[in-house]
Amino acid sequence: MPSSIRNIYMNYHHIASLNDTITYQLVNTEIEDEELRIAHSSKRAKKLVDAAFCNETNIQLIFILPNYFKKKILQRLLLHPQFKIIDSFCTDSWQEYYDRPVTVFVIETFIKNLRLTKLIEGICYQDFPQYRKSTVGIPIIFYNGQKNLLLTIYDDQIADSWSSNPKIQQNLKKKFSSWILH
């Protein structure tokens, strides 16, 4: 997990130290066909998101936007322009990845308003433009405010979860124990 995520800005201006992060392996290396392997990773990532947000109606998305990022990401990911801006600020805490400060942009929307499968596939296919899938080239962190849970899907390989609630983490560990990287 990037060091900049270790202390991420949370809802209502709280800073949280992300100790006890669980790292999941999304990729199944036994699948030889690359495109099938990526599709399998996308399905695993979707299962993680579904587990992290079961019985929830809202989701917060934390976007890390480099200053050169001009795409209209929300138009691509939301069915309707219905969302609430939770916060937006600039930081240089991602300087190991970008040469200039980035904007952290936090929104909240209904889960049903999010093109979730498209978002997850866009993250998983980001390193594979040859498959002509819509990709997401920026870090996006899923946040469940009710469970105080952060979920980051980095690519088709790995994802991380963190919660200040040990019971939430234990439930995820139990459900996805075979995916956990040690």
N, C-alpha and C. Protein backbone atom coordinates (compact mmCIF):
# COMPACT_ATOMS: atom_id res chain seq x y z
N MET A 1 0.84 -1.17 0.00
CA MET A 1 0.00 0.00 0.00
C MET A 1 0.89 1.24 0.00
N PRO A 2 0.61 2.22 -0.88
CA PRO A 2 1.43 3.43 -0.89
C PRO A 2 1.41 4.12 0.46
N SER A 3 2.54 4.69 0.82
CA SER A 3 2.63 5.36 2.11
C SER A 3 1.63 6.51 2.23
N SER A 4 1.26 7.11 1.10
CA SER A 4 0.32 8.21 1.15
C SER A 4 -1.07 7.75 1.59
N ILE A 5 -1.37 6.47 1.43
CA ILE A 5 -2.66 5.96 1.85
C ILE A 5 -2.62 5.60 3.33
N ARG A 6 -1.44 5.43 3.90
CA ARG A 6 -1.35 5.06 5.32
C ARG A 6 -2.03 6.09 6.21
N ASN A 7 -1.96 7.34 5.84
CA ASN A 7 -2.67 8.39 6.60
C ASN A 7 -3.58 9.12 5.64
N ILE A 8 -4.76 8.58 5.45
CA ILE A 8 -5.69 9.16 4.48
C ILE A 8 -6.70 10.05 5.17
N TYR A 9 -7.06 11.06 4.49
CA TYR A 9 -8.06 11.98 4.97
C TYR A 9 -9.40 11.25 4.98
N MET A 10 -10.07 11.28 6.10
CA MET A 10 -11.33 10.57 6.23
C MET A 10 -12.47 11.58 6.38
N ASN A 11 -13.69 11.09 6.29
CA ASN A 11 -14.88 11.90 6.41
C ASN A 11 -14.84 12.74 7.70
N TYR A 12 -15.31 13.96 7.63
CA TYR A 12 -15.38 14.89 8.75
C TYR A 12 -14.00 15.26 9.29
N HIS A 13 -13.02 15.31 8.42
CA HIS A 13 -11.70 15.84 8.74
C HIS A 13 -10.93 15.02 9.77
N HIS A 14 -11.08 13.72 9.74
CA HIS A 14 -10.32 12.85 10.62
C HIS A 14 -9.15 12.24 9.84
N ILE A 15 -8.07 12.05 10.53
CA ILE A 15 -6.93 11.35 9.95
C ILE A 15 -6.86 9.99 10.64
N ALA A 16 -6.69 8.95 9.85
CA ALA A 16 -6.64 7.60 10.42
C ALA A 16 -5.36 6.92 10.00
N SER A 17 -4.71 6.27 10.92
CA SER A 17 -3.55 5.46 10.61
C SER A 17 -4.04 4.09 10.19
N LEU A 18 -3.61 3.64 9.02
CA LEU A 18 -4.15 2.41 8.46
C LEU A 18 -3.29 1.20 8.83
N ASN A 19 -3.25 0.90 10.10
CA ASN A 19 -2.59 -0.31 10.56
C ASN A 19 -3.54 -1.48 10.35
N ASP A 20 -3.02 -2.67 10.33
CA ASP A 20 -3.84 -3.88 10.19
C ASP A 20 -4.60 -3.92 8.87
N THR A 21 -3.98 -3.46 7.83
CA THR A 21 -4.56 -3.55 6.50
C THR A 21 -4.51 -4.99 6.02
N ILE A 22 -5.58 -5.43 5.37
CA ILE A 22 -5.62 -6.76 4.76
C ILE A 22 -5.37 -6.59 3.27
N THR A 23 -4.43 -7.35 2.73
CA THR A 23 -4.14 -7.31 1.30
C THR A 23 -4.64 -8.60 0.66
N TYR A 24 -5.41 -8.44 -0.40
CA TYR A 24 -6.02 -9.57 -1.10
C TYR A 24 -5.38 -9.74 -2.48
N GLN A 25 -5.20 -10.98 -2.87
CA GLN A 25 -4.74 -11.28 -4.22
C GLN A 25 -5.97 -11.50 -5.08
N LEU A 26 -6.13 -10.65 -6.07
CA LEU A 26 -7.27 -10.76 -6.97
C LEU A 26 -6.99 -11.71 -8.13
N VAL A 27 -5.76 -11.73 -8.57
CA VAL A 27 -5.41 -12.49 -9.77
C VAL A 27 -5.29 -13.98 -9.45
N ASN A 28 -5.78 -14.79 -10.36
CA ASN A 28 -5.60 -16.23 -10.28
C ASN A 28 -4.53 -16.60 -11.31
N THR A 29 -3.34 -16.84 -10.84
CA THR A 29 -2.20 -17.09 -11.74
C THR A 29 -2.30 -18.43 -12.46
N GLU A 30 -3.23 -19.28 -12.05
CA GLU A 30 -3.41 -20.56 -12.73
C GLU A 30 -4.16 -20.41 -14.05
N ILE A 31 -4.85 -19.29 -14.24
CA ILE A 31 -5.55 -19.04 -15.50
C ILE A 31 -4.53 -18.53 -16.51
N GLU A 32 -4.35 -19.25 -17.58
CA GLU A 32 -3.30 -18.89 -18.56
C GLU A 32 -3.71 -17.75 -19.48
N ASP A 33 -4.94 -17.72 -19.93
CA ASP A 33 -5.39 -16.69 -20.85
C ASP A 33 -5.47 -15.35 -20.11
N GLU A 34 -4.71 -14.37 -20.58
CA GLU A 34 -4.60 -13.09 -19.89
C GLU A 34 -5.94 -12.38 -19.73
N GLU A 35 -6.74 -12.33 -20.77
CA GLU A 35 -8.01 -11.62 -20.69
C GLU A 35 -8.98 -12.33 -19.73
N LEU A 36 -8.99 -13.64 -19.73
CA LEU A 36 -9.81 -14.38 -18.76
C LEU A 36 -9.34 -14.16 -17.34
N ARG A 37 -8.01 -14.06 -17.17
CA ARG A 37 -7.43 -13.80 -15.85
C ARG A 37 -7.87 -12.44 -15.32
N ILE A 38 -7.87 -11.44 -16.19
CA ILE A 38 -8.28 -10.09 -15.78
C ILE A 38 -9.77 -10.06 -15.46
N ALA A 39 -10.56 -10.74 -16.27
CA ALA A 39 -12.01 -10.82 -16.01
C ALA A 39 -12.27 -11.51 -14.67
N HIS A 40 -11.50 -12.54 -14.37
CA HIS A 40 -11.63 -13.24 -13.09
C HIS A 40 -11.27 -12.29 -11.94
N SER A 41 -10.22 -11.52 -12.11
CA SER A 41 -9.82 -10.53 -11.09
C SER A 41 -10.92 -9.51 -10.87
N SER A 42 -11.56 -9.07 -11.94
CA SER A 42 -12.67 -8.11 -11.82
C SER A 42 -13.82 -8.70 -11.01
N LYS A 43 -14.11 -9.97 -11.22
CA LYS A 43 -15.19 -10.62 -10.47
C LYS A 43 -14.83 -10.72 -8.99
N ARG A 44 -13.58 -11.03 -8.70
CA ARG A 44 -13.15 -11.08 -7.29
C ARG A 44 -13.26 -9.70 -6.65
N ALA A 45 -12.82 -8.67 -7.37
CA ALA A 45 -12.89 -7.30 -6.84
C ALA A 45 -14.34 -6.90 -6.59
N LYS A 46 -15.23 -7.28 -7.47
CA LYS A 46 -16.66 -6.98 -7.30
C LYS A 46 -17.21 -7.67 -6.05
N LYS A 47 -16.79 -8.90 -5.80
CA LYS A 47 -17.22 -9.61 -4.60
C LYS A 47 -16.74 -8.90 -3.34
N LEU A 48 -15.51 -8.38 -3.37
CA LEU A 48 -15.00 -7.61 -2.23
C LEU A 48 -15.84 -6.36 -1.97
N VAL A 49 -16.13 -5.63 -3.03
CA VAL A 49 -16.93 -4.42 -2.89
C VAL A 49 -18.33 -4.76 -2.38
N ASP A 50 -18.92 -5.80 -2.94
CA ASP A 50 -20.26 -6.21 -2.50
C ASP A 50 -20.25 -6.56 -1.00
N ALA A 51 -19.22 -7.26 -0.55
CA ALA A 51 -19.12 -7.63 0.87
C ALA A 51 -18.90 -6.39 1.74
N ALA A 52 -18.09 -5.46 1.26
CA ALA A 52 -17.78 -4.25 2.04
C ALA A 52 -18.98 -3.32 2.15
N PHE A 53 -19.90 -3.39 1.18
CA PHE A 53 -21.03 -2.47 1.15
C PHE A 53 -22.37 -3.17 1.21
N CYS A 54 -22.40 -4.41 1.71
CA CYS A 54 -23.69 -5.11 1.81
C CYS A 54 -24.60 -4.36 2.78
N ASN A 55 -25.85 -4.29 2.41
CA ASN A 55 -26.89 -3.61 3.20
C ASN A 55 -26.68 -2.10 3.31
N GLU A 56 -25.86 -1.53 2.47
CA GLU A 56 -25.64 -0.08 2.47
C GLU A 56 -26.33 0.54 1.26
N THR A 57 -26.76 1.77 1.40
CA THR A 57 -27.37 2.47 0.27
C THR A 57 -26.42 3.49 -0.34
N ASN A 58 -25.48 4.00 0.46
CA ASN A 58 -24.56 5.04 -0.01
C ASN A 58 -23.13 4.52 -0.06
N ILE A 59 -22.35 5.18 -0.86
CA ILE A 59 -20.93 4.88 -0.99
C ILE A 59 -20.20 6.21 -1.16
N GLN A 60 -19.03 6.30 -0.55
CA GLN A 60 -18.16 7.45 -0.80
C GLN A 60 -17.00 6.98 -1.66
N LEU A 61 -16.62 7.80 -2.61
CA LEU A 61 -15.48 7.54 -3.47
C LEU A 61 -14.46 8.65 -3.24
N ILE A 62 -13.23 8.24 -3.01
CA ILE A 62 -12.13 9.17 -2.82
C ILE A 62 -11.26 9.09 -4.06
N PHE A 63 -11.24 10.16 -4.84
CA PHE A 63 -10.47 10.22 -6.08
C PHE A 63 -9.15 10.95 -5.82
N ILE A 64 -8.06 10.41 -6.32
CA ILE A 64 -6.77 11.09 -6.28
C ILE A 64 -6.52 11.61 -7.69
N LEU A 65 -6.66 12.92 -7.88
CA LEU A 65 -6.63 13.52 -9.21
C LEU A 65 -5.35 14.33 -9.43
N PRO A 66 -4.48 13.85 -10.32
CA PRO A 66 -3.31 14.67 -10.68
C PRO A 66 -3.78 15.94 -11.38
N ASN A 67 -2.96 16.99 -11.33
CA ASN A 67 -3.39 18.27 -11.88
C ASN A 67 -3.64 18.22 -13.39
N TYR A 68 -3.06 17.27 -14.08
CA TYR A 68 -3.25 17.17 -15.53
C TYR A 68 -4.47 16.32 -15.89
N PHE A 69 -5.16 15.79 -14.93
CA PHE A 69 -6.29 14.91 -15.19
C PHE A 69 -7.48 15.73 -15.64
N LYS A 70 -7.92 15.56 -16.87
CA LYS A 70 -8.99 16.38 -17.43
C LYS A 70 -10.26 15.59 -17.75
N LYS A 71 -10.24 14.29 -17.60
CA LYS A 71 -11.39 13.48 -17.96
C LYS A 71 -12.57 13.78 -17.06
N LYS A 72 -13.74 13.59 -17.60
CA LYS A 72 -14.97 13.80 -16.83
C LYS A 72 -15.35 12.46 -16.21
N ILE A 73 -14.63 12.10 -15.17
CA ILE A 73 -14.75 10.78 -14.56
C ILE A 73 -16.15 10.53 -14.00
N LEU A 74 -16.76 11.53 -13.40
CA LEU A 74 -18.08 11.32 -12.79
C LEU A 74 -19.15 11.04 -13.84
N GLN A 75 -19.06 11.65 -14.99
CA GLN A 75 -20.03 11.39 -16.05
C GLN A 75 -19.93 9.95 -16.53
N ARG A 76 -18.74 9.38 -16.50
CA ARG A 76 -18.54 7.99 -16.94
C ARG A 76 -18.98 6.99 -15.88
N LEU A 77 -18.88 7.34 -14.61
CA LEU A 77 -19.11 6.37 -13.55
C LEU A 77 -20.48 6.44 -12.89
N LEU A 78 -21.18 7.55 -13.06
CA LEU A 78 -22.49 7.70 -12.42
C LEU A 78 -23.60 7.63 -13.46
N LEU A 79 -24.69 6.98 -13.10
CA LEU A 79 -25.84 6.92 -14.00
C LEU A 79 -26.51 8.28 -14.12
N HIS A 80 -26.58 8.98 -12.99
CA HIS A 80 -27.22 10.30 -12.93
C HIS A 80 -26.29 11.25 -12.16
N PRO A 81 -26.33 12.53 -12.49
CA PRO A 81 -25.44 13.48 -11.78
C PRO A 81 -25.94 13.81 -10.37
N GLN A 82 -26.20 12.77 -9.60
CA GLN A 82 -26.69 12.95 -8.24
C GLN A 82 -25.61 12.48 -7.28
N PHE A 83 -24.93 13.43 -6.67
CA PHE A 83 -23.89 13.12 -5.70
C PHE A 83 -23.69 14.33 -4.81
N LYS A 84 -23.08 14.08 -3.68
CA LYS A 84 -22.76 15.15 -2.74
C LYS A 84 -21.25 15.22 -2.63
N ILE A 85 -20.70 16.40 -2.75
CA ILE A 85 -19.26 16.59 -2.55
C ILE A 85 -19.01 16.64 -1.05
N ILE A 86 -18.21 15.71 -0.57
CA ILE A 86 -17.87 15.65 0.85
C ILE A 86 -16.69 16.57 1.14
N ASP A 87 -15.70 16.52 0.27
CA ASP A 87 -14.52 17.37 0.47
C ASP A 87 -13.68 17.39 -0.80
N SER A 88 -12.81 18.36 -0.87
CA SER A 88 -11.85 18.49 -1.96
C SER A 88 -10.68 19.32 -1.43
N PHE A 89 -9.48 18.82 -1.61
CA PHE A 89 -8.31 19.55 -1.15
C PHE A 89 -7.08 19.10 -1.93
N CYS A 90 -6.06 19.93 -1.92
CA CYS A 90 -4.79 19.61 -2.58
C CYS A 90 -3.78 19.13 -1.55
N THR A 91 -2.92 18.20 -1.98
CA THR A 91 -1.89 17.69 -1.10
C THR A 91 -0.69 17.24 -1.93
N ASP A 92 0.47 17.29 -1.31
CA ASP A 92 1.67 16.78 -1.98
C ASP A 92 2.07 15.42 -1.40
N SER A 93 1.18 14.77 -0.67
CA SER A 93 1.52 13.49 -0.04
C SER A 93 1.67 12.36 -1.06
N TRP A 94 1.35 12.61 -2.31
CA TRP A 94 1.53 11.61 -3.37
C TRP A 94 2.74 11.96 -4.25
N GLN A 95 3.66 12.74 -3.71
CA GLN A 95 4.78 13.22 -4.52
C GLN A 95 5.68 12.12 -5.06
N GLU A 96 5.67 10.93 -4.43
CA GLU A 96 6.47 9.84 -4.97
C GLU A 96 5.89 9.30 -6.27
N TYR A 97 4.62 9.64 -6.58
CA TYR A 97 3.98 9.18 -7.80
C TYR A 97 3.74 10.30 -8.82
N TYR A 98 3.57 11.52 -8.33
CA TYR A 98 3.28 12.66 -9.21
C TYR A 98 4.25 13.79 -8.90
N ASP A 99 4.61 14.54 -9.93
CA ASP A 99 5.60 15.61 -9.74
C ASP A 99 4.99 16.88 -9.17
N ARG A 100 3.69 16.95 -9.07
CA ARG A 100 3.01 18.12 -8.51
C ARG A 100 1.96 17.67 -7.51
N PRO A 101 1.44 18.60 -6.72
CA PRO A 101 0.36 18.22 -5.79
C PRO A 101 -0.85 17.66 -6.55
N VAL A 102 -1.60 16.83 -5.87
CA VAL A 102 -2.81 16.24 -6.43
C VAL A 102 -4.02 16.80 -5.69
N THR A 103 -5.18 16.65 -6.29
CA THR A 103 -6.42 17.01 -5.64
C THR A 103 -7.07 15.73 -5.15
N VAL A 104 -7.43 15.72 -3.89
CA VAL A 104 -8.21 14.63 -3.33
C VAL A 104 -9.65 15.11 -3.35
N PHE A 105 -10.48 14.37 -4.06
CA PHE A 105 -11.87 14.75 -4.29
C PHE A 105 -12.76 13.64 -3.74
N VAL A 106 -13.62 13.95 -2.78
CA VAL A 106 -14.44 12.95 -2.11
C VAL A 106 -15.91 13.24 -2.39
N ILE A 107 -16.60 12.22 -2.92
CA ILE A 107 -18.04 12.36 -3.17
C ILE A 107 -18.80 11.23 -2.49
N GLU A 108 -20.08 11.47 -2.31
CA GLU A 108 -20.97 10.42 -1.82
C GLU A 108 -22.14 10.32 -2.78
N THR A 109 -22.54 9.10 -3.08
CA THR A 109 -23.67 8.86 -3.96
C THR A 109 -24.37 7.57 -3.54
N PHE A 110 -25.51 7.33 -4.13
CA PHE A 110 -26.19 6.06 -3.91
C PHE A 110 -25.41 4.97 -4.64
N ILE A 111 -25.29 3.81 -4.04
CA ILE A 111 -24.60 2.70 -4.70
C ILE A 111 -25.27 2.37 -6.02
N LYS A 112 -26.59 2.45 -6.05
CA LYS A 112 -27.33 2.14 -7.28
C LYS A 112 -27.06 3.16 -8.38
N ASN A 113 -26.55 4.32 -8.03
CA ASN A 113 -26.22 5.35 -9.01
C ASN A 113 -24.84 5.14 -9.62
N LEU A 114 -24.06 4.26 -9.06
CA LEU A 114 -22.69 4.02 -9.49
C LEU A 114 -22.64 2.88 -10.50
N ARG A 115 -21.95 3.09 -11.58
CA ARG A 115 -21.69 2.01 -12.55
C ARG A 115 -20.54 1.18 -11.99
N LEU A 116 -20.87 0.41 -10.99
CA LEU A 116 -19.86 -0.29 -10.20
C LEU A 116 -19.06 -1.29 -11.01
N THR A 117 -19.72 -2.11 -11.80
CA THR A 117 -19.00 -3.10 -12.60
C THR A 117 -18.06 -2.41 -13.58
N LYS A 118 -18.53 -1.34 -14.21
CA LYS A 118 -17.70 -0.57 -15.14
C LYS A 118 -16.49 0.03 -14.43
N LEU A 119 -16.70 0.56 -13.23
CA LEU A 119 -15.61 1.13 -12.45
C LEU A 119 -14.57 0.07 -12.11
N ILE A 120 -15.02 -1.07 -11.61
CA ILE A 120 -14.08 -2.13 -11.22
C ILE A 120 -13.34 -2.67 -12.43
N GLU A 121 -14.03 -2.89 -13.53
CA GLU A 121 -13.35 -3.35 -14.75
C GLU A 121 -12.35 -2.30 -15.22
N GLY A 122 -12.72 -1.03 -15.12
CA GLY A 122 -11.82 0.05 -15.53
C GLY A 122 -10.53 0.07 -14.72
N ILE A 123 -10.63 -0.28 -13.44
CA ILE A 123 -9.44 -0.36 -12.60
C ILE A 123 -8.62 -1.60 -12.98
N CYS A 124 -9.29 -2.73 -13.13
CA CYS A 124 -8.58 -3.99 -13.41
C CYS A 124 -7.94 -4.00 -14.81
N TYR A 125 -8.52 -3.32 -15.77
CA TYR A 125 -7.98 -3.31 -17.13
C TYR A 125 -7.04 -2.13 -17.39
N GLN A 126 -6.73 -1.32 -16.38
CA GLN A 126 -5.96 -0.10 -16.62
C GLN A 126 -4.58 -0.35 -17.22
N ASP A 127 -3.98 -1.50 -16.96
CA ASP A 127 -2.65 -1.80 -17.51
C ASP A 127 -2.71 -2.57 -18.82
N PHE A 128 -3.92 -2.72 -19.38
CA PHE A 128 -4.08 -3.55 -20.57
C PHE A 128 -4.91 -2.84 -21.64
N PRO A 129 -4.38 -1.76 -22.23
CA PRO A 129 -5.15 -1.01 -23.23
C PRO A 129 -5.44 -1.82 -24.50
N GLN A 130 -4.69 -2.89 -24.72
CA GLN A 130 -4.89 -3.69 -25.93
C GLN A 130 -6.27 -4.36 -25.98
N TYR A 131 -6.97 -4.45 -24.87
CA TYR A 131 -8.30 -5.07 -24.86
C TYR A 131 -9.41 -4.07 -25.10
N ARG A 132 -9.05 -2.82 -25.29
CA ARG A 132 -9.99 -1.76 -25.65
C ARG A 132 -11.17 -1.63 -24.69
N LYS A 133 -10.88 -1.82 -23.44
CA LYS A 133 -11.88 -1.62 -22.39
C LYS A 133 -11.73 -0.21 -21.86
N SER A 134 -12.81 0.34 -21.37
CA SER A 134 -12.74 1.64 -20.71
C SER A 134 -11.93 1.48 -19.43
N THR A 135 -10.91 2.31 -19.26
CA THR A 135 -10.03 2.17 -18.10
C THR A 135 -10.13 3.38 -17.18
N VAL A 136 -9.71 3.16 -15.95
CA VAL A 136 -9.66 4.22 -14.95
C VAL A 136 -8.19 4.37 -14.57
N GLY A 137 -7.59 5.47 -14.91
CA GLY A 137 -6.16 5.65 -14.70
C GLY A 137 -5.78 6.44 -13.46
N ILE A 138 -6.67 6.53 -12.50
CA ILE A 138 -6.39 7.27 -11.27
C ILE A 138 -6.74 6.39 -10.07
N PRO A 139 -6.09 6.61 -8.95
CA PRO A 139 -6.47 5.87 -7.74
C PRO A 139 -7.86 6.30 -7.25
N ILE A 140 -8.67 5.29 -6.93
CA ILE A 140 -9.99 5.53 -6.36
C ILE A 140 -10.12 4.63 -5.13
N ILE A 141 -10.54 5.21 -4.03
CA ILE A 141 -10.70 4.47 -2.79
C ILE A 141 -12.19 4.45 -2.46
N PHE A 142 -12.71 3.28 -2.17
CA PHE A 142 -14.10 3.11 -1.77
C PHE A 142 -14.17 3.27 -0.26
N TYR A 143 -15.12 4.07 0.22
CA TYR A 143 -15.24 4.30 1.66
C TYR A 143 -16.66 4.04 2.12
N ASN A 144 -16.80 3.19 3.13
CA ASN A 144 -18.08 2.92 3.76
C ASN A 144 -18.08 3.63 5.11
N GLY A 145 -18.78 4.74 5.19
CA GLY A 145 -18.81 5.54 6.40
C GLY A 145 -19.51 4.87 7.57
N GLN A 146 -20.44 3.98 7.29
CA GLN A 146 -21.15 3.28 8.36
C GLN A 146 -20.25 2.27 9.06
N LYS A 147 -19.36 1.65 8.29
CA LYS A 147 -18.46 0.63 8.84
C LYS A 147 -17.04 1.17 9.05
N ASN A 148 -16.83 2.43 8.68
CA ASN A 148 -15.50 3.03 8.74
C ASN A 148 -14.49 2.12 8.04
N LEU A 149 -14.83 1.76 6.80
CA LEU A 149 -14.07 0.81 6.01
C LEU A 149 -13.57 1.45 4.73
N LEU A 150 -12.29 1.31 4.48
CA LEU A 150 -11.68 1.73 3.23
C LEU A 150 -11.35 0.49 2.42
N LEU A 151 -11.63 0.54 1.11
CA LEU A 151 -11.28 -0.54 0.20
C LEU A 151 -10.63 0.07 -1.02
N THR A 152 -9.43 -0.38 -1.34
CA THR A 152 -8.71 0.11 -2.50
C THR A 152 -8.41 -1.07 -3.41
N ILE A 153 -8.87 -0.95 -4.65
CA ILE A 153 -8.53 -1.92 -5.68
C ILE A 153 -7.47 -1.23 -6.54
N TYR A 154 -6.27 -1.78 -6.53
CA TYR A 154 -5.17 -1.11 -7.23
C TYR A 154 -5.14 -1.43 -8.71
N ASP A 155 -5.37 -2.65 -9.06
CA ASP A 155 -5.31 -3.12 -10.44
C ASP A 155 -5.88 -4.53 -10.47
N ASP A 156 -5.52 -5.31 -11.47
CA ASP A 156 -6.02 -6.68 -11.55
C ASP A 156 -5.31 -7.62 -10.58
N GLN A 157 -4.31 -7.13 -9.88
CA GLN A 157 -3.50 -7.98 -9.01
C GLN A 157 -3.93 -7.98 -7.55
N ILE A 158 -4.04 -6.80 -6.95
CA ILE A 158 -4.27 -6.74 -5.50
C ILE A 158 -5.30 -5.68 -5.11
N ALA A 159 -5.83 -5.86 -3.90
CA ALA A 159 -6.73 -4.90 -3.26
C ALA A 159 -6.41 -4.90 -1.78
N ASP A 160 -6.74 -3.81 -1.10
CA ASP A 160 -6.54 -3.68 0.34
C ASP A 160 -7.84 -3.27 0.99
N SER A 161 -8.03 -3.72 2.23
CA SER A 161 -9.14 -3.21 3.04
C SER A 161 -8.60 -2.83 4.40
N TRP A 162 -9.26 -1.86 4.99
CA TRP A 162 -8.92 -1.42 6.34
C TRP A 162 -10.20 -0.93 7.00
N SER A 163 -10.34 -1.24 8.27
CA SER A 163 -11.43 -0.70 9.07
C SER A 163 -10.95 -0.53 10.50
N SER A 164 -11.45 0.49 11.17
CA SER A 164 -11.14 0.66 12.58
C SER A 164 -11.95 -0.31 13.43
N ASN A 165 -12.90 -1.00 12.82
CA ASN A 165 -13.73 -1.97 13.51
C ASN A 165 -13.15 -3.37 13.28
N PRO A 166 -12.54 -3.98 14.31
CA PRO A 166 -11.93 -5.30 14.14
C PRO A 166 -12.91 -6.38 13.68
N LYS A 167 -14.17 -6.26 14.05
CA LYS A 167 -15.17 -7.25 13.64
C LYS A 167 -15.37 -7.22 12.12
N ILE A 168 -15.38 -6.03 11.54
CA ILE A 168 -15.51 -5.89 10.09
C ILE A 168 -14.34 -6.58 9.40
N GLN A 169 -13.13 -6.30 9.89
CA GLN A 169 -11.93 -6.92 9.31
C GLN A 169 -11.97 -8.44 9.46
N GLN A 170 -12.39 -8.92 10.62
CA GLN A 170 -12.46 -10.37 10.85
C GLN A 170 -13.44 -11.03 9.89
N ASN A 171 -14.59 -10.38 9.66
CA ASN A 171 -15.57 -10.92 8.73
C ASN A 171 -15.01 -11.02 7.32
N LEU A 172 -14.29 -9.99 6.89
CA LEU A 172 -13.68 -10.02 5.56
C LEU A 172 -12.58 -11.08 5.49
N LYS A 173 -11.77 -11.17 6.55
CA LYS A 173 -10.72 -12.21 6.58
C LYS A 173 -11.33 -13.60 6.46
N LYS A 174 -12.39 -13.82 7.17
CA LYS A 174 -13.04 -15.13 7.16
C LYS A 174 -13.62 -15.43 5.78
N LYS A 175 -14.31 -14.47 5.22
CA LYS A 175 -14.99 -14.67 3.93
C LYS A 175 -14.01 -14.86 2.78
N PHE A 176 -12.88 -14.13 2.81
CA PHE A 176 -11.94 -14.16 1.70
C PHE A 176 -10.57 -14.68 2.12
N SER A 177 -10.53 -15.60 3.06
CA SER A 177 -9.26 -16.07 3.62
C SER A 177 -8.31 -16.65 2.57
N SER A 178 -8.85 -17.30 1.56
CA SER A 178 -7.97 -17.90 0.53
C SER A 178 -7.35 -16.86 -0.39
N TRP A 179 -7.84 -15.62 -0.35
CA TRP A 179 -7.30 -14.56 -1.20
C TRP A 179 -6.24 -13.72 -0.48
N ILE A 180 -6.11 -13.86 0.82
CA ILE A 180 -5.27 -12.96 1.60
C ILE A 180 -3.80 -13.28 1.35
N LEU A 181 -3.04 -12.21 1.09
CA LEU A 181 -1.59 -12.32 0.94
C LEU A 181 -0.95 -12.15 2.30
N HIS A 182 0.00 -12.98 2.61
CA HIS A 182 0.64 -12.92 3.94
C HIS A 182 1.96 -12.22 3.88
